[in-house]
Structure formats: structure tokens, C-alpha cells
């Protein structure tokens, strides 16, 4: 790869780090979150995340970012806050990451 290709690759990396809060891995959850269960992630969704993150064979596991959209009428702010503080943090640690963040888009 020539010098211009290397600069382009570096630019994409810097841009992706800015867009993902400096995350080493981003998980976009498209499945609906479980509003009535003990956890918001279903067993199947969590298993899929574990499978795909392991398959990625990441060199760095500093931060895991979880991106999710929720409907305001389905999950309360307090329940979502607990999801972030407890469930996402525990998921990140179980996958070998040192920290986690959430990109949350509430929908009407």
C-alpha cells in the first residue's frame, strides 16, 4: 500500500475512534430489549454478542461500546440506567474489555 493509502487508513481509524467514543469494539443491538425480564438483553442476543466479539479476535480490548435504540414508552430511564451501569459493564468485563460505554437513541 502506498503512502496515500496509509494516510487514508489512519484517517479512517481516527474518524472511527471519534465517532465511537474511542471504542475498540462497537456492538449495535437491533433486537428489541426485554422489558419484563431480569435483564434487558435476551439470552439469545447476549450469546450472539459473545460469539461475534470472540470471532473478531481483537488485539485491543480497552472499551466496548454498545449502541441501542429504545422506545421511551417501553423502558424507563431508571431501568435503562441500570442496564448501562450493571448489565453492559458486566458484559464488557466478561468479554475481556476494561470499560464500556453506551450510545443510546431514545425513540418516540
N, C-alpha and C. Protein backbone atom coordinates (compact mmCIF):
# COMPACT_ATOMS: atom_id res chain seq x y z
N UNK A 1 0.85 -1.17 0.00
CA UNK A 1 0.00 0.00 0.00
C UNK A 1 0.90 1.23 0.00
N UNK A 2 0.58 2.19 -0.84
CA UNK A 2 1.36 3.41 -0.93
C UNK A 2 1.09 4.35 0.23
N UNK A 3 1.86 5.45 0.23
CA UNK A 3 1.76 6.42 1.33
C UNK A 3 0.35 7.00 1.42
N UNK A 4 -0.27 7.29 0.28
CA UNK A 4 -1.61 7.87 0.33
C UNK A 4 -2.62 6.88 0.92
N UNK A 5 -2.45 5.60 0.61
CA UNK A 5 -3.32 4.58 1.18
C UNK A 5 -3.14 4.47 2.68
N UNK A 6 -1.93 4.63 3.15
CA UNK A 6 -1.68 4.56 4.59
C UNK A 6 -2.31 5.75 5.30
N UNK A 7 -2.21 6.92 4.72
CA UNK A 7 -2.84 8.09 5.33
C UNK A 7 -4.35 7.93 5.38
N UNK A 8 -4.93 7.38 4.34
CA UNK A 8 -6.36 7.18 4.31
C UNK A 8 -6.77 6.21 5.41
N UNK A 9 -6.04 5.14 5.59
CA UNK A 9 -6.34 4.16 6.62
C UNK A 9 -6.25 4.81 8.00
N UNK A 10 -5.22 5.60 8.24
CA UNK A 10 -5.07 6.29 9.52
C UNK A 10 -6.23 7.26 9.73
N UNK A 11 -6.64 7.98 8.69
CA UNK A 11 -7.75 8.92 8.80
C UNK A 11 -9.04 8.18 9.16
N UNK A 12 -9.28 7.05 8.55
CA UNK A 12 -10.47 6.28 8.88
C UNK A 12 -10.42 5.82 10.33
N UNK A 13 -9.27 5.42 10.79
CA UNK A 13 -9.14 4.96 12.17
C UNK A 13 -9.40 6.11 13.14
N UNK A 14 -8.82 7.27 12.88
CA UNK A 14 -9.04 8.42 13.75
C UNK A 14 -10.52 8.81 13.73
N UNK A 15 -11.13 8.84 12.56
CA UNK A 15 -12.54 9.19 12.46
C UNK A 15 -13.40 8.17 13.20
N UNK A 16 -13.11 6.90 13.01
CA UNK A 16 -13.92 5.88 13.69
C UNK A 16 -13.76 5.97 15.20
N UNK A 17 -12.57 6.29 15.67
CA UNK A 17 -12.38 6.45 17.12
C UNK A 17 -13.18 7.64 17.64
N UNK A 18 -13.22 8.71 16.90
CA UNK A 18 -14.00 9.88 17.31
C UNK A 18 -15.50 9.58 17.33
N UNK A 19 -15.96 8.84 16.33
CA UNK A 19 -17.39 8.54 16.22
C UNK A 19 -17.86 7.48 17.23
N UNK A 20 -16.92 6.73 17.77
CA UNK A 20 -17.30 5.63 18.67
C UNK A 20 -16.78 5.83 20.09
N UNK A 21 -16.49 7.05 20.46
CA UNK A 21 -16.04 7.33 21.83
C UNK A 21 -14.76 6.55 22.16
N UNK A 22 -13.88 6.42 21.16
CA UNK A 22 -12.59 5.74 21.32
C UNK A 22 -12.74 4.26 21.68
N UNK A 23 -13.79 3.62 21.15
CA UNK A 23 -14.06 2.21 21.45
C UNK A 23 -13.21 1.30 20.58
N UNK A 24 -12.83 0.17 21.15
CA UNK A 24 -12.11 -0.85 20.40
C UNK A 24 -13.07 -1.78 19.67
N UNK A 25 -14.31 -1.82 20.13
CA UNK A 25 -15.33 -2.68 19.52
C UNK A 25 -16.69 -2.02 19.74
N UNK A 26 -17.52 -2.01 18.69
CA UNK A 26 -18.87 -1.46 18.79
C UNK A 26 -19.86 -2.57 18.49
N UNK A 27 -20.81 -2.75 19.38
CA UNK A 27 -21.89 -3.72 19.19
C UNK A 27 -23.18 -2.93 19.00
N UNK A 28 -23.82 -3.13 17.84
CA UNK A 28 -25.09 -2.48 17.56
C UNK A 28 -26.19 -3.51 17.81
N UNK A 29 -27.05 -3.22 18.76
CA UNK A 29 -28.14 -4.13 19.10
C UNK A 29 -29.38 -3.69 18.36
N UNK A 30 -29.83 -4.53 17.45
CA UNK A 30 -31.04 -4.22 16.68
C UNK A 30 -32.26 -4.95 17.23
N UNK A 31 -32.04 -6.02 17.97
CA UNK A 31 -33.16 -6.77 18.56
C UNK A 31 -33.79 -5.95 19.67
N UNK A 32 -35.09 -6.06 19.86
CA UNK A 32 -35.73 -5.34 20.97
C UNK A 32 -35.18 -5.81 22.31
N UNK A 33 -35.06 -4.87 23.23
CA UNK A 33 -34.63 -5.22 24.57
C UNK A 33 -35.81 -5.83 25.33
N UNK A 34 -35.51 -6.72 26.24
CA UNK A 34 -36.55 -7.39 27.04
C UNK A 34 -37.00 -6.44 28.14
N UNK A 35 -38.24 -6.04 28.11
CA UNK A 35 -38.68 -5.09 29.15
C UNK A 35 -39.17 -5.77 30.42
N UNK A 36 -39.51 -7.05 30.35
CA UNK A 36 -40.08 -7.72 31.51
C UNK A 36 -39.12 -8.71 32.17
N UNK A 37 -37.99 -8.96 31.57
CA UNK A 37 -37.06 -9.94 32.12
C UNK A 37 -36.17 -9.37 33.21
N UNK A 38 -35.37 -10.25 33.76
CA UNK A 38 -34.41 -9.83 34.78
C UNK A 38 -33.32 -8.94 34.18
N UNK A 39 -33.00 -9.19 32.91
CA UNK A 39 -32.03 -8.40 32.17
C UNK A 39 -32.68 -7.85 30.91
N UNK A 40 -32.14 -6.78 30.37
CA UNK A 40 -32.70 -6.22 29.13
C UNK A 40 -32.22 -6.97 27.90
N UNK A 41 -31.04 -7.58 27.97
CA UNK A 41 -30.56 -8.39 26.85
C UNK A 41 -31.12 -9.80 26.98
N UNK A 42 -31.71 -10.30 25.91
CA UNK A 42 -32.19 -11.68 25.94
C UNK A 42 -30.99 -12.62 25.94
N UNK A 43 -31.22 -13.85 26.33
CA UNK A 43 -30.16 -14.86 26.33
C UNK A 43 -29.60 -15.02 24.92
N UNK A 44 -30.47 -15.05 23.91
CA UNK A 44 -30.02 -15.22 22.53
C UNK A 44 -29.19 -14.03 22.04
N UNK A 45 -29.61 -12.81 22.40
CA UNK A 45 -28.86 -11.62 21.99
C UNK A 45 -27.48 -11.60 22.64
N UNK A 46 -27.43 -11.90 23.92
CA UNK A 46 -26.14 -11.93 24.62
C UNK A 46 -25.22 -13.00 24.02
N UNK A 47 -25.77 -14.17 23.73
CA UNK A 47 -24.97 -15.25 23.13
C UNK A 47 -24.43 -14.83 21.77
N UNK A 48 -25.24 -14.14 20.98
CA UNK A 48 -24.79 -13.67 19.66
C UNK A 48 -23.67 -12.64 19.80
N UNK A 49 -23.80 -11.74 20.77
CA UNK A 49 -22.75 -10.75 21.01
C UNK A 49 -21.44 -11.46 21.38
N UNK A 50 -21.52 -12.38 22.33
CA UNK A 50 -20.32 -13.12 22.77
C UNK A 50 -19.67 -13.86 21.61
N UNK A 51 -20.48 -14.51 20.77
CA UNK A 51 -19.96 -15.26 19.62
C UNK A 51 -19.24 -14.35 18.63
N UNK A 52 -19.87 -13.24 18.28
CA UNK A 52 -19.30 -12.38 17.24
C UNK A 52 -18.10 -11.57 17.73
N UNK A 53 -18.12 -11.14 18.98
CA UNK A 53 -16.97 -10.41 19.51
C UNK A 53 -15.77 -11.35 19.62
N UNK A 54 -16.00 -12.60 20.05
CA UNK A 54 -14.91 -13.57 20.13
C UNK A 54 -14.34 -13.86 18.74
N UNK A 55 -15.19 -13.94 17.74
CA UNK A 55 -14.75 -14.23 16.38
C UNK A 55 -13.94 -13.08 15.78
N UNK A 56 -14.14 -11.87 16.30
CA UNK A 56 -13.41 -10.70 15.77
C UNK A 56 -11.92 -10.75 16.10
N UNK A 57 -11.53 -11.49 17.13
CA UNK A 57 -10.13 -11.63 17.53
C UNK A 57 -9.43 -10.27 17.62
N UNK A 58 -9.96 -9.42 18.47
CA UNK A 58 -9.45 -8.06 18.63
C UNK A 58 -8.10 -8.05 19.34
N UNK A 59 -7.20 -7.20 18.88
CA UNK A 59 -5.90 -7.04 19.55
C UNK A 59 -6.04 -6.23 20.83
N UNK A 60 -6.83 -5.19 20.78
CA UNK A 60 -7.03 -4.32 21.94
C UNK A 60 -8.45 -4.48 22.46
N UNK A 61 -8.57 -4.57 23.75
CA UNK A 61 -9.89 -4.68 24.37
C UNK A 61 -10.00 -3.67 25.50
N UNK A 62 -9.80 -2.41 25.14
CA UNK A 62 -9.95 -1.36 26.14
C UNK A 62 -11.40 -1.04 26.41
N UNK A 63 -12.14 -0.63 25.37
CA UNK A 63 -13.53 -0.21 25.57
C UNK A 63 -14.46 -0.89 24.59
N UNK A 64 -15.58 -1.36 25.13
CA UNK A 64 -16.69 -1.90 24.34
C UNK A 64 -17.79 -0.85 24.33
N UNK A 65 -18.27 -0.48 23.14
CA UNK A 65 -19.41 0.44 23.06
C UNK A 65 -20.62 -0.35 22.58
N UNK A 66 -21.73 -0.19 23.29
CA UNK A 66 -22.99 -0.81 22.91
C UNK A 66 -23.91 0.29 22.39
N UNK A 67 -24.41 0.11 21.18
CA UNK A 67 -25.30 1.08 20.56
C UNK A 67 -26.70 0.47 20.51
N UNK A 68 -27.67 1.20 21.04
CA UNK A 68 -29.03 0.66 21.13
C UNK A 68 -30.05 1.77 20.98
N UNK A 69 -31.19 1.42 20.40
CA UNK A 69 -32.33 2.33 20.30
C UNK A 69 -33.46 1.74 21.14
N UNK A 70 -34.15 2.58 21.89
CA UNK A 70 -35.28 2.12 22.69
C UNK A 70 -36.46 3.05 22.52
N UNK A 71 -37.64 2.51 22.73
CA UNK A 71 -38.84 3.33 22.75
C UNK A 71 -39.06 3.81 24.17
N UNK A 72 -39.33 5.08 24.31
CA UNK A 72 -39.49 5.68 25.64
C UNK A 72 -40.62 5.04 26.45
N UNK A 73 -41.65 4.57 25.77
CA UNK A 73 -42.79 4.01 26.49
C UNK A 73 -42.56 2.55 26.91
N UNK A 74 -41.48 1.94 26.49
CA UNK A 74 -41.23 0.53 26.83
C UNK A 74 -40.28 0.34 28.01
N UNK A 75 -39.27 1.20 28.13
CA UNK A 75 -38.25 1.01 29.16
C UNK A 75 -38.02 2.35 29.87
N UNK A 76 -38.14 2.34 31.18
CA UNK A 76 -37.97 3.58 31.95
C UNK A 76 -36.51 4.01 31.95
N UNK A 77 -36.30 5.28 32.21
CA UNK A 77 -34.94 5.82 32.28
C UNK A 77 -34.13 5.14 33.37
N UNK A 78 -34.77 4.86 34.52
CA UNK A 78 -34.06 4.20 35.62
C UNK A 78 -33.65 2.78 35.23
N UNK A 79 -34.54 2.07 34.53
CA UNK A 79 -34.22 0.70 34.10
C UNK A 79 -33.08 0.72 33.08
N UNK A 80 -33.11 1.69 32.17
CA UNK A 80 -32.04 1.78 31.18
C UNK A 80 -30.72 2.16 31.83
N UNK A 81 -30.77 3.03 32.82
CA UNK A 81 -29.55 3.40 33.54
C UNK A 81 -28.93 2.18 34.21
N UNK A 82 -29.75 1.35 34.81
CA UNK A 82 -29.25 0.12 35.44
C UNK A 82 -28.67 -0.83 34.38
N UNK A 83 -29.29 -0.87 33.22
CA UNK A 83 -28.79 -1.68 32.10
C UNK A 83 -27.36 -1.26 31.76
N UNK A 84 -27.14 0.05 31.67
CA UNK A 84 -25.81 0.55 31.35
C UNK A 84 -24.82 0.28 32.48
N UNK A 85 -25.17 0.69 33.68
CA UNK A 85 -24.25 0.58 34.81
C UNK A 85 -23.91 -0.86 35.18
N UNK A 86 -24.87 -1.75 35.07
CA UNK A 86 -24.65 -3.12 35.54
C UNK A 86 -24.47 -4.10 34.38
N UNK A 87 -25.50 -4.20 33.54
CA UNK A 87 -25.50 -5.25 32.51
C UNK A 87 -24.43 -5.04 31.44
N UNK A 88 -24.32 -3.85 30.90
CA UNK A 88 -23.33 -3.59 29.85
C UNK A 88 -21.92 -3.66 30.41
N UNK A 89 -21.72 -3.13 31.60
CA UNK A 89 -20.40 -3.17 32.23
C UNK A 89 -19.97 -4.62 32.48
N UNK A 90 -20.89 -5.44 32.97
CA UNK A 90 -20.59 -6.85 33.22
C UNK A 90 -20.31 -7.59 31.91
N UNK A 91 -21.09 -7.30 30.87
CA UNK A 91 -20.87 -7.92 29.56
C UNK A 91 -19.47 -7.58 29.05
N UNK A 92 -19.10 -6.31 29.14
CA UNK A 92 -17.79 -5.87 28.67
C UNK A 92 -16.67 -6.60 29.41
N UNK A 93 -16.79 -6.67 30.71
CA UNK A 93 -15.75 -7.35 31.50
C UNK A 93 -15.69 -8.83 31.17
N UNK A 94 -16.84 -9.48 30.97
CA UNK A 94 -16.84 -10.91 30.65
C UNK A 94 -16.21 -11.19 29.29
N UNK A 95 -16.21 -10.18 28.42
CA UNK A 95 -15.58 -10.31 27.10
C UNK A 95 -14.13 -9.86 27.09
N UNK A 96 -13.62 -9.42 28.24
CA UNK A 96 -12.22 -9.04 28.36
C UNK A 96 -11.93 -7.56 28.19
N UNK A 97 -12.96 -6.72 28.13
CA UNK A 97 -12.77 -5.27 27.99
C UNK A 97 -12.61 -4.65 29.37
N UNK A 98 -11.88 -3.55 29.42
CA UNK A 98 -11.67 -2.88 30.71
C UNK A 98 -12.75 -1.85 31.02
N UNK A 99 -13.47 -1.38 29.98
CA UNK A 99 -14.53 -0.41 30.21
C UNK A 99 -15.61 -0.55 29.14
N UNK A 100 -16.70 0.18 29.36
CA UNK A 100 -17.82 0.12 28.42
C UNK A 100 -18.48 1.49 28.33
N UNK A 101 -19.15 1.72 27.20
CA UNK A 101 -19.97 2.91 27.04
C UNK A 101 -21.21 2.49 26.26
N UNK A 102 -22.22 3.35 26.33
CA UNK A 102 -23.47 3.09 25.63
C UNK A 102 -23.81 4.29 24.77
N UNK A 103 -24.16 4.04 23.52
CA UNK A 103 -24.74 5.07 22.66
C UNK A 103 -26.23 4.75 22.60
N UNK A 104 -27.04 5.61 23.20
CA UNK A 104 -28.45 5.35 23.35
C UNK A 104 -29.25 6.37 22.55
N UNK A 105 -30.15 5.86 21.69
CA UNK A 105 -31.05 6.72 20.94
C UNK A 105 -32.47 6.41 21.37
N UNK A 106 -33.09 7.28 22.15
CA UNK A 106 -34.49 7.05 22.53
C UNK A 106 -35.41 7.44 21.38
N UNK A 107 -36.38 6.59 21.11
CA UNK A 107 -37.35 6.83 20.04
C UNK A 107 -38.71 7.13 20.66
N UNK A 108 -39.55 7.84 19.96
CA UNK A 108 -40.89 8.14 20.47
C UNK A 108 -41.79 6.95 20.36
